[in-house]
Amino acid sequence: MMNLYDSSLFFDEMFDGNQPKPHYRSFHHKLSIFSQEQLEEKYRQAQASFLRQGITFTVYGAQDGTERTMPFDCVPIIIPQTQWAIIEEGVKQRVEALNLFLQDVYAEQKIIRDGYIPRQLVEKNPYFSPIMLRLKVPIANHIFLAGIDLIRDEKGDYFVLEDNLRNPSGISYVFENRDVMKEVYPEFFSKHTILSLDKQMANMKKALLAHRPSTMDEGREPKAVLLTAGMYNSAYYDHLFLAQHLSIQLVEGRDLVVQDLKVYMKTIYGLQQIDIIYRRIDDDFLDPVAFREDSLLGVPHLMAVYQAGNVAILNAVGNGVADDKAMYAYVPEMIRYYLQEEPILPNVKTYHLEDEQQRAWVLEHIQELVIKNVSASGGYDMLIGPHASEDEITLFKDKIMMHPCQYIAQPTIKLSRAPSFQNGRFYPCHVDLRVYAMKGEDCYVLPGGLSRVALQEGSLVVNSSQGGGAKDTWILKEELKHAESSSRRVILDGTV
């Protein structure tokens, strides 16, 4: 069946022409042994496993029901460890610079004063939170969990597509994909040496508990909870999984109360003080006194406790100013400014549409470009020029003219593809990779991350809410002969 698979036109993760790449050869050999019936049975078994465990996500506005299992594909993305070492170092570098930017932008704002980032891009940003000005967060860390989205172009080079620093979701699927893969396709693991995920939840908990509030007694162990919007939230399974595996209580806003500038959880034994809140609700809903007064999801006066230094909120409030699609273009400058280093992972070229010259060029070439709303996520309010109708192009031109600062443009990159097995056949699908970094006193990068796949044939949209699915991601152990030298950072003065 694989001999019918066409790997031309795009960079293919698995094939060079009709031959598997060296790091895929063993997997390809095992895959080719299965019959059509065996593959179809294993596919059904994998989907049933997700459904049985309740591994679902919610699609808001769907006519045929909102609760769906995450579509899973059995062909993994395999990355050699030497290549992964560079990705890991690049992600750590990026998260470090973004955290320094958040510290600076809510304090001295040196990067703005020195002219590297326009002031209006920060102060007019809807996610900029004045309440955070001069507020010292625990261990000076605004980013407990980051999700950095990577793509590969037609040459196979990696680029950062976007940063997710508010409430990056999907980390549970990384673990569940691996578990289902081991259950349904144990043959694949017999001769492959793959970096394990076994210690990663321990690393995540260590990073979580490192955020002790500054006023907390040294002798007391911090008490952490995960704050969810509830079972109807689209990422509720993610919340449930993380609370269970981090061994922390899953709570809703109504389970918490503020007294004497401290946060307490209601229990059958009385009130228990909470020191760290890993929140999975947006800033606007955290505290109806400080933000949206109609919010029923948050905790009244929570921000007063935060400002007093009596509780840690992770990720920190106001992170959105660093991860919207307009600020994205300046991250390479942040790396040079704060770290005096060149970026290890490059950005995709980005056009700012409030600039008159850039806007005029973009409007003239809109059929060749991708247009994105800087505040939207999940693949919404986005135009893919080569696939758009005349009416869609006209609509987006009007949107850009009315609100130019609300949109950016990027070239249409020929996203890399990989084989997928769906509906009884193999066909090529576009993929990207979300890499998770967990930051406490140290920064841990989850080996592999979440490979997302555009299962709708020809689609470029990998988001699950838009018909995308997921693959397991293997970091294949090998001799690290050149990894150290290739991943070392280049300092601006030319020394290494």
Protein backbone atom coordinates (compact mmCIF):
# COMPACT_ATOMS: atom_id res chain seq x y z
CA MET A 1 0.00 0.00 0.00
CA MET A 2 2.85 2.39 0.80
CA ASN A 3 4.11 2.12 -2.78
CA LEU A 4 1.04 4.13 -3.86
CA TYR A 5 2.07 6.97 -1.58
CA ASP A 6 3.32 10.11 -3.41
CA SER A 7 6.09 11.96 -1.52
CA SER A 8 6.88 14.50 -4.26
CA LEU A 9 6.15 18.26 -4.26
CA PHE A 10 6.71 18.78 -0.51
CA PHE A 11 9.39 17.92 2.04
CA ASP A 12 8.39 14.51 3.35
CA GLU A 13 9.21 13.53 6.93
CA MET A 14 9.52 9.83 6.10
CA PHE A 15 10.63 9.46 2.48
CA ASP A 16 13.34 10.58 0.09
CA GLY A 17 11.66 9.80 -3.22
CA ASN A 18 10.29 6.29 -2.72
CA GLN A 19 12.90 5.27 -0.13
CA PRO A 20 12.44 5.71 3.64
CA LYS A 21 14.95 8.01 5.32
CA PRO A 22 17.58 6.24 7.48
CA HIS A 23 15.83 6.98 10.80
CA TYR A 24 12.53 5.62 9.40
CA ARG A 25 13.88 2.40 7.83
CA SER A 26 13.23 0.06 10.75
CA PHE A 27 9.72 1.46 11.28
CA HIS A 28 8.94 1.28 7.57
CA HIS A 29 10.02 -2.37 7.46
CA LYS A 30 7.72 -3.29 10.37
CA LEU A 31 4.81 -1.31 8.91
CA SER A 32 5.11 -3.02 5.53
CA ILE A 33 4.59 -6.45 7.16
CA PHE A 34 0.99 -5.61 8.20
CA SER A 35 -1.87 -6.55 5.91
CA GLN A 36 -4.66 -4.10 5.01
CA GLU A 37 -7.01 -5.89 7.43
CA GLN A 38 -4.51 -5.74 10.29
CA LEU A 39 -3.94 -2.01 9.78
CA GLU A 40 -7.66 -1.28 9.68
CA GLU A 41 -8.25 -3.33 12.83
CA LYS A 42 -5.45 -1.52 14.66
CA TYR A 43 -6.85 1.82 13.53
CA ARG A 44 -10.28 0.92 14.98
CA GLN A 45 -8.64 -0.35 18.17
CA ALA A 46 -6.77 2.96 18.65
CA GLN A 47 -9.91 5.07 18.17
CA ALA A 48 -11.84 2.81 20.56
CA SER A 49 -9.10 3.20 23.17
CA PHE A 50 -9.40 6.99 23.05
CA LEU A 51 -13.17 6.81 23.33
CA ARG A 52 -13.04 4.28 26.19
CA GLN A 53 -10.73 6.53 28.19
CA GLY A 54 -12.83 9.61 27.50
CA ILE A 55 -10.02 11.34 25.60
CA THR A 56 -12.10 13.98 23.85
CA PHE A 57 -12.19 17.66 22.97
CA THR A 58 -15.11 19.99 22.36
CA VAL A 59 -15.95 21.68 19.04
CA TYR A 60 -18.08 24.72 19.81
CA GLY A 61 -20.88 25.33 17.31
CA ALA A 62 -20.71 21.85 15.75
CA GLN A 63 -24.07 20.68 14.44
CA ASP A 64 -23.47 16.96 14.93
CA GLY A 65 -22.55 17.10 18.60
CA THR A 66 -19.67 18.83 20.30
CA GLU A 67 -17.81 15.98 22.01
CA ARG A 68 -15.30 14.16 19.79
CA THR A 69 -12.35 11.86 20.19
CA MET A 70 -9.02 13.22 19.04
CA PRO A 71 -8.36 11.63 15.61
CA PHE A 72 -5.19 9.58 15.98
CA ASP A 73 -2.79 8.46 13.26
CA CYS A 74 -0.54 5.42 13.62
CA VAL A 75 2.42 6.70 11.58
CA PRO A 76 4.66 8.57 14.05
CA ILE A 77 6.88 11.54 13.39
CA ILE A 78 10.44 10.33 14.07
CA ILE A 79 13.17 12.88 14.85
CA PRO A 80 16.84 11.88 15.25
CA GLN A 81 18.28 12.90 18.63
CA THR A 82 21.00 15.09 17.09
CA GLN A 83 18.30 17.15 15.39
CA TRP A 84 16.19 17.20 18.53
CA ALA A 85 19.11 18.59 20.57
CA ILE A 86 19.05 21.73 18.38
CA ILE A 87 15.25 22.09 18.68
CA GLU A 88 15.44 21.68 22.46
CA GLU A 89 18.16 24.32 22.80
CA GLY A 90 16.26 26.69 20.50
CA VAL A 91 13.03 26.33 22.49
CA LYS A 92 14.83 26.95 25.80
CA GLN A 93 16.49 30.03 24.33
CA ARG A 94 13.17 31.39 23.08
CA VAL A 95 11.31 30.82 26.35
CA GLU A 96 14.15 32.44 28.33
CA ALA A 97 14.04 35.57 26.15
CA LEU A 98 10.23 35.77 26.27
CA ASN A 99 10.28 35.53 30.07
CA LEU A 100 12.87 38.34 30.26
CA PHE A 101 10.66 40.41 27.97
CA LEU A 102 7.65 39.89 30.27
CA GLN A 103 9.73 40.86 33.31
CA ASP A 104 10.93 43.99 31.51
CA VAL A 105 7.64 45.09 29.96
CA TYR A 106 5.92 45.00 33.37
CA ALA A 107 8.82 46.84 35.05
CA GLU A 108 11.46 49.10 33.49
CA GLN A 109 10.40 48.68 29.82
CA LYS A 110 14.00 49.08 28.70
CA ILE A 111 13.41 47.32 25.38
CA ILE A 112 10.77 49.93 24.52
CA ARG A 113 12.92 52.87 25.68
CA ASP A 114 15.85 51.58 23.64
CA GLY A 115 13.66 51.55 20.52
CA TYR A 116 13.58 47.83 19.75
CA ILE A 117 9.80 47.39 20.17
CA PRO A 118 7.16 50.08 19.43
CA ARG A 119 5.46 51.33 22.60
CA GLN A 120 1.98 51.20 21.04
CA LEU A 121 2.42 47.52 20.22
CA VAL A 122 2.65 46.87 23.97
CA GLU A 123 0.34 49.45 25.52
CA LYS A 124 -2.46 49.03 22.96
CA ASN A 125 -2.23 45.25 23.09
CA PRO A 126 -5.53 43.86 24.47
CA TYR A 127 -3.55 41.32 26.54
CA PHE A 128 -1.31 43.92 28.22
CA SER A 129 -2.32 43.93 31.91
CA PRO A 130 -1.52 47.19 33.76
CA ILE A 131 -2.39 45.42 37.03
CA MET A 132 0.88 43.50 36.59
CA LEU A 133 3.09 46.60 36.51
CA ARG A 134 5.86 46.35 39.16
CA LEU A 135 4.36 43.08 40.46
CA LYS A 136 7.09 40.61 41.39
CA VAL A 137 6.10 37.06 40.42
CA PRO A 138 7.58 34.00 42.22
CA ILE A 139 11.11 33.06 41.08
CA ALA A 140 10.82 35.91 38.53
CA ASN A 141 9.13 33.47 36.15
CA HIS A 142 6.05 34.37 34.12
CA ILE A 143 6.07 31.21 31.97
CA PHE A 144 5.51 27.91 33.77
CA LEU A 145 4.32 26.10 30.62
CA ALA A 146 5.00 27.20 27.04
CA GLY A 147 3.85 25.60 23.81
CA ILE A 148 6.10 26.56 20.89
CA ASP A 149 4.67 25.60 17.48
CA LEU A 150 7.21 24.56 14.83
CA ILE A 151 6.83 23.87 11.11
CA ARG A 152 9.24 22.64 8.43
CA ASP A 153 9.48 24.19 4.96
CA GLU A 154 10.13 22.55 1.58
CA LYS A 155 13.84 22.24 2.43
CA GLY A 156 13.15 20.57 5.78
CA ASP A 157 14.27 23.59 7.82
CA TYR A 158 12.42 24.23 11.10
CA PHE A 159 10.71 27.58 11.77
CA VAL A 160 8.76 28.83 14.78
CA LEU A 161 5.17 29.46 13.70
CA GLU A 162 3.88 30.88 17.01
CA ASP A 163 4.40 31.00 20.76
CA ASN A 164 1.69 29.94 23.25
CA LEU A 165 2.36 31.44 26.68
CA ARG A 166 -1.10 31.85 28.19
CA ASN A 167 -2.77 28.45 28.56
CA PRO A 168 -1.15 26.08 26.06
CA SER A 169 -3.26 22.94 25.79
CA GLY A 170 -2.75 19.44 24.45
CA ILE A 171 0.08 18.15 26.65
CA SER A 172 -2.10 15.25 27.84
CA TYR A 173 -2.39 14.00 24.25
CA VAL A 174 1.40 13.59 24.08
CA PHE A 175 1.22 11.00 26.86
CA GLU A 176 -2.00 9.37 25.68
CA ASN A 177 -0.74 9.07 22.09
CA ARG A 178 2.31 7.21 23.38
CA ASP A 179 0.22 4.90 25.61
CA VAL A 180 -2.20 4.05 22.79
CA MET A 181 0.67 3.51 20.37
CA LYS A 182 2.31 1.04 22.80
CA GLU A 183 -1.00 -0.75 23.37
CA VAL A 184 -2.07 -1.06 19.73
CA TYR A 185 1.29 -1.25 17.93
CA PRO A 186 3.68 -2.94 20.40
CA GLU A 187 5.63 -4.30 17.41
CA PHE A 188 6.97 -0.81 16.69
CA PHE A 189 8.70 -0.54 20.06
CA SER A 190 10.62 -3.83 20.12
CA LYS A 191 13.71 -2.61 18.28
CA HIS A 192 13.41 1.18 18.53
CA THR A 193 15.15 3.10 21.32
CA ILE A 194 12.95 6.11 21.91
CA LEU A 195 13.39 8.85 24.51
CA SER A 196 10.95 8.06 27.32
CA LEU A 197 8.20 10.28 28.71
CA ASP A 198 8.24 8.46 32.05
CA LYS A 199 9.91 11.19 34.16
CA GLN A 200 8.26 14.17 32.51
CA MET A 201 5.31 14.49 34.90
CA ALA A 202 7.78 14.51 37.82
CA ASN A 203 9.68 17.30 36.04
CA MET A 204 6.46 19.22 35.52
CA LYS A 205 5.49 18.91 39.19
CA LYS A 206 8.97 20.02 40.29
CA ALA A 207 8.64 23.10 38.05
CA LEU A 208 5.13 23.78 39.40
CA LEU A 209 6.12 23.59 43.08
CA ALA A 210 9.18 25.78 42.51
CA HIS A 211 6.84 28.79 42.36
CA ARG A 212 6.58 29.27 46.11
CA PRO A 213 4.97 32.64 46.98
CA SER A 214 7.50 35.09 48.43
CA THR A 215 5.60 35.39 51.74
CA MET A 216 5.32 31.65 52.34
CA ASP A 217 6.91 30.08 55.44
CA GLU A 218 10.06 28.13 54.55
CA GLY A 219 9.09 25.08 56.60
CA ARG A 220 5.74 24.51 54.86
CA GLU A 221 5.25 22.50 51.68
CA PRO A 222 3.36 24.48 49.01
CA LYS A 223 -0.19 23.37 48.23
CA ALA A 224 -1.12 23.58 44.54
CA VAL A 225 -4.41 23.22 42.65
CA LEU A 226 -5.46 23.26 39.00
CA LEU A 227 -8.23 25.79 38.34
CA THR A 228 -10.59 24.75 35.52
CA ALA A 229 -13.64 26.36 33.95
CA GLY A 230 -15.41 23.02 34.34
CA MET A 231 -16.41 19.95 32.40
CA TYR A 232 -17.87 21.89 29.45
CA ASN A 233 -14.55 23.55 28.64
CA SER A 234 -13.03 22.35 25.33
CA ALA A 235 -9.80 21.25 27.04
CA TYR A 236 -11.38 19.70 30.14
CA TYR A 237 -9.80 16.30 29.49
CA ASP A 238 -6.41 18.03 29.48
CA HIS A 239 -7.19 19.60 32.88
CA LEU A 240 -8.37 16.31 34.36
CA PHE A 241 -5.33 14.40 33.10
CA LEU A 242 -2.85 16.97 34.45
CA ALA A 243 -4.51 17.24 37.86
CA GLN A 244 -4.43 13.45 38.25
CA HIS A 245 -0.83 13.01 37.08
CA LEU A 246 0.49 15.99 39.04
CA SER A 247 -1.40 14.72 42.12
CA ILE A 248 -3.06 18.08 42.72
CA GLN A 249 -6.71 18.93 43.30
CA LEU A 250 -8.86 19.93 40.31
CA VAL A 251 -11.01 22.88 41.38
CA GLU A 252 -13.48 25.40 39.97
CA GLY A 253 -13.74 29.01 41.07
CA ARG A 254 -16.60 28.23 43.45
CA ASP A 255 -14.28 25.84 45.36
CA LEU A 256 -11.95 28.69 46.36
CA VAL A 257 -12.46 31.68 48.61
CA VAL A 258 -10.35 34.68 49.65
CA GLN A 259 -10.05 35.68 53.30
CA ASP A 260 -7.50 38.09 54.84
CA LEU A 261 -5.58 38.33 51.56
CA LYS A 262 -5.09 34.57 51.33
CA VAL A 263 -6.71 31.94 49.10
CA TYR A 264 -8.40 28.91 50.63
CA MET A 265 -9.94 25.76 49.20
CA LYS A 266 -13.21 24.59 50.72
CA THR A 267 -12.98 21.01 52.01
CA ILE A 268 -15.14 18.80 54.22
CA TYR A 269 -12.56 19.42 56.95
CA GLY A 270 -12.71 23.22 56.63
CA LEU A 271 -10.63 25.74 54.71
CA GLN A 272 -7.17 24.78 53.41
CA GLN A 273 -4.74 27.46 52.29
CA ILE A 274 -3.64 27.34 48.63
CA ASP A 275 -0.23 28.63 47.58
CA ILE A 276 -0.03 27.88 43.85
CA ILE A 277 -2.84 28.02 41.30
CA TYR A 278 -2.17 26.43 37.91
CA ARG A 279 -5.04 28.15 36.17
CA ARG A 280 -6.58 26.98 32.90
CA ILE A 281 -8.99 29.90 32.53
CA ASP A 282 -8.20 33.17 30.76
CA ASP A 283 -7.13 36.38 32.50
CA ASP A 284 -10.49 38.08 31.98
CA PHE A 285 -12.35 35.42 33.97
CA LEU A 286 -9.91 35.00 36.89
CA ASP A 287 -11.33 37.64 39.23
CA PRO A 288 -14.71 39.38 38.75
CA VAL A 289 -13.53 42.25 40.97
CA ALA A 290 -10.38 43.00 38.95
CA PHE A 291 -11.52 41.96 35.46
CA ARG A 292 -14.91 40.95 34.02
CA GLU A 293 -17.54 41.46 36.67
CA ASP A 294 -19.88 38.98 34.97
CA SER A 295 -17.39 36.11 35.34
CA LEU A 296 -18.71 33.12 37.28
CA LEU A 297 -15.52 31.10 36.72
CA GLY A 298 -13.03 33.00 38.85
CA VAL A 299 -12.42 33.92 42.47
CA PRO A 300 -13.39 37.38 43.79
CA HIS A 301 -10.35 39.36 45.10
CA LEU A 302 -7.87 36.76 43.80
CA MET A 303 -5.74 39.49 42.20
CA ALA A 304 -5.43 41.31 45.54
CA VAL A 305 -3.90 38.12 47.02
CA TYR A 306 -1.61 37.84 43.99
CA GLN A 307 -0.46 41.44 44.36
CA ALA A 308 0.21 40.86 48.07
CA GLY A 309 2.55 37.99 47.17
CA ASN A 310 0.46 35.36 48.97
CA VAL A 311 -0.33 33.15 45.98
CA ALA A 312 1.35 32.16 42.70
CA ILE A 313 -0.75 32.12 39.52
CA LEU A 314 0.62 30.04 36.64
CA ASN A 315 0.99 31.01 33.92
CA ALA A 316 1.30 34.60 35.11
CA VAL A 317 -1.40 37.15 34.33
CA GLY A 318 -0.68 39.33 31.28
CA ASN A 319 1.42 36.81 29.32
CA GLY A 320 -0.69 37.43 26.22
CA VAL A 321 1.26 40.61 25.45
CA ALA A 322 4.26 38.39 24.57
CA ASP A 323 2.58 35.73 22.45
CA ASP A 324 0.16 37.46 20.13
CA LYS A 325 0.90 37.22 16.42
CA ALA A 326 2.01 40.86 16.13
CA MET A 327 4.62 40.60 18.90
CA TYR A 328 5.85 37.31 17.39
CA ALA A 329 7.84 39.21 14.73
CA TYR A 330 9.96 40.86 17.45
CA VAL A 331 11.02 37.70 19.32
CA PRO A 332 14.33 37.40 17.39
CA GLU A 333 15.10 40.97 18.52
CA MET A 334 14.24 40.01 22.12
CA ILE A 335 16.74 37.13 21.92
CA ARG A 336 19.48 39.45 20.65
CA TYR A 337 18.59 42.20 23.14
CA TYR A 338 18.28 40.16 26.35
CA LEU A 339 20.64 37.24 25.66
CA GLN A 340 23.14 38.76 23.18
CA GLU A 341 22.67 35.64 21.04
CA GLU A 342 21.45 34.84 17.57
CA PRO A 343 18.16 32.90 17.43
CA ILE A 344 18.68 29.16 17.06
CA LEU A 345 15.17 28.66 15.61
CA PRO A 346 14.17 31.28 13.01
CA ASN A 347 10.79 32.99 12.61
CA VAL A 348 8.57 32.88 9.55
CA LYS A 349 8.79 36.24 7.72
CA THR A 350 5.95 38.45 9.00
CA TYR A 351 4.38 41.63 7.59
CA HIS A 352 2.86 44.22 9.95
CA LEU A 353 -0.18 45.68 8.25
CA GLU A 354 -0.31 48.98 10.15
CA ASP A 355 2.79 49.88 8.12
CA GLU A 356 1.44 51.57 4.98
CA GLN A 357 4.07 50.22 2.57
CA GLN A 358 3.85 46.66 3.89
CA ARG A 359 0.04 46.83 3.81
CA ALA A 360 -0.01 48.02 0.18
CA TRP A 361 2.31 45.18 -0.86
CA VAL A 362 0.28 42.59 1.05
CA LEU A 363 -3.04 43.73 -0.44
CA GLU A 364 -1.51 43.41 -3.92
CA HIS A 365 -0.14 39.89 -3.24
CA ILE A 366 -2.86 38.60 -0.89
CA GLN A 367 -3.54 35.53 -3.07
CA GLU A 368 -0.01 34.29 -2.24
CA LEU A 369 -0.11 34.92 1.53
CA VAL A 370 -1.61 33.74 4.81
CA ILE A 371 -3.50 36.44 6.75
CA LYS A 372 -4.00 35.97 10.50
CA ASN A 373 -5.91 37.84 13.18
CA VAL A 374 -3.28 38.65 15.84
CA SER A 375 -5.70 37.82 18.68
CA ALA A 376 -7.36 34.69 17.28
CA SER A 377 -6.32 31.09 17.83
CA GLY A 378 -7.38 27.59 16.80
CA GLY A 379 -7.21 28.38 13.07
CA TYR A 380 -10.08 30.93 13.21
CA ASP A 381 -10.26 34.29 11.34
CA MET A 382 -7.47 33.22 9.01
CA LEU A 383 -7.16 33.44 5.21
CA ILE A 384 -4.97 31.05 3.21
CA GLY A 385 -4.61 33.06 0.00
CA PRO A 386 -3.88 30.26 -2.53
CA HIS A 387 -6.96 28.33 -1.32
CA ALA A 388 -9.32 31.32 -0.92
CA SER A 389 -12.27 32.33 -3.10
CA GLU A 390 -12.63 35.85 -4.55
CA ASP A 391 -15.34 36.63 -1.99
CA GLU A 392 -13.11 35.54 0.91
CA ILE A 393 -10.23 37.64 -0.41
CA THR A 394 -12.50 40.69 -0.77
CA LEU A 395 -13.78 40.18 2.79
CA PHE A 396 -10.25 40.03 4.23
CA LYS A 397 -9.12 43.06 2.24
CA ASP A 398 -11.99 45.00 3.84
CA LYS A 399 -11.05 43.69 7.29
CA ILE A 400 -7.43 44.73 6.81
CA MET A 401 -8.41 48.24 5.67
CA MET A 402 -10.77 48.68 8.63
CA HIS A 403 -8.42 47.25 11.30
CA PRO A 404 -4.89 47.00 9.88
CA CYS A 405 -3.23 46.58 13.28
CA GLN A 406 -5.43 43.54 13.96
CA TYR A 407 -3.85 41.45 11.18
CA ILE A 408 -0.48 40.17 10.04
CA ALA A 409 0.57 38.46 6.81
CA GLN A 410 3.04 35.65 6.21
CA PRO A 411 4.19 33.79 3.10
CA THR A 412 2.44 30.51 2.37
CA ILE A 413 5.05 27.96 3.37
CA LYS A 414 4.97 24.53 1.78
CA LEU A 415 4.49 22.74 5.10
CA SER A 416 6.24 19.39 5.39
CA ARG A 417 4.10 16.30 4.98
CA ALA A 418 4.08 12.82 6.42
CA PRO A 419 2.15 9.63 5.60
CA SER A 420 -1.13 9.13 7.43
CA PHE A 421 -3.30 6.02 7.49
CA GLN A 422 -6.99 6.92 7.51
CA ASN A 423 -10.07 5.34 5.92
CA GLY A 424 -8.13 2.28 4.83
CA ARG A 425 -5.35 3.98 2.89
CA PHE A 426 -2.09 5.91 3.17
CA TYR A 427 -1.96 9.49 1.91
CA PRO A 428 0.27 12.53 2.63
CA CYS A 429 -0.86 15.11 5.20
CA HIS A 430 0.68 18.37 6.36
CA VAL A 431 2.07 18.36 9.91
CA ASP A 432 3.41 20.71 12.55
CA LEU A 433 4.92 20.15 16.00
CA ARG A 434 4.02 21.76 19.33
CA VAL A 435 6.99 21.57 21.68
CA TYR A 436 6.27 22.00 25.41
CA ALA A 437 8.70 23.69 27.79
CA MET A 438 8.12 23.46 31.57
CA LYS A 439 9.95 26.16 33.51
CA GLY A 440 10.69 26.38 37.22
CA GLU A 441 14.19 26.77 38.64
CA ASP A 442 15.23 24.72 35.58
CA CYS A 443 13.69 24.45 32.12
CA TYR A 444 12.56 21.02 30.89
CA VAL A 445 11.52 20.33 27.31
CA LEU A 446 9.14 17.40 26.79
CA PRO A 447 10.86 14.95 24.39
CA GLY A 448 8.99 15.08 21.11
CA GLY A 449 5.91 17.13 21.89
CA LEU A 450 2.59 16.97 20.04
CA SER A 451 2.71 16.34 16.29
CA ARG A 452 -0.51 17.71 14.82
CA VAL A 453 -1.69 16.59 11.41
CA ALA A 454 -4.14 18.11 8.90
CA LEU A 455 -6.08 14.90 8.22
CA GLN A 456 -8.39 16.55 5.71
CA GLU A 457 -6.57 15.84 2.45
CA GLY A 458 -4.88 18.99 1.07
CA SER A 459 -5.69 21.06 4.18
CA LEU A 460 -3.05 23.21 5.89
CA VAL A 461 -5.02 23.55 9.16
CA VAL A 462 -3.86 21.13 11.87
CA ASN A 463 -6.08 22.35 14.74
CA SER A 464 -8.35 19.65 16.17
CA SER A 465 -11.29 22.09 16.10
CA GLN A 466 -10.79 22.34 12.31
CA GLY A 467 -10.52 18.61 11.52
CA GLY A 468 -6.92 17.98 12.52
CA GLY A 469 -5.56 15.01 14.44
CA ALA A 470 -2.41 13.89 16.23
CA LYS A 471 0.56 11.54 15.83
CA ASP A 472 3.00 10.11 18.33
CA THR A 473 6.40 11.83 18.19
CA TRP A 474 9.54 9.77 18.67
CA ILE A 475 12.97 11.11 19.49
CA LEU A 476 15.18 8.31 18.24
CA LYS A 477 18.27 7.75 20.37
CA GLU A 478 21.54 7.69 18.47
CA GLU A 479 25.19 8.59 18.93
CA LEU A 480 25.36 12.28 19.81
CA LYS A 481 28.60 12.80 17.86
CA HIS A 482 27.84 16.31 16.71
CA ALA A 483 24.89 17.32 18.89
CA GLU A 484 26.89 19.35 21.39
CA SER A 485 28.73 21.41 18.80
CA SER A 486 25.68 21.92 16.57
CA SER A 487 23.42 23.14 19.37
CA ARG A 488 25.86 25.54 21.03
CA ARG A 489 24.72 29.11 20.82
CA VAL A 490 26.42 31.72 18.65
CA ILE A 491 27.17 34.94 20.51
CA LEU A 492 26.83 38.22 18.62
CA ASP A 493 30.51 39.17 18.87
CA GLY A 494 31.34 36.12 16.76
CA THR A 495 32.69 33.82 19.51
CA VAL A 496 31.15 30.50 20.46
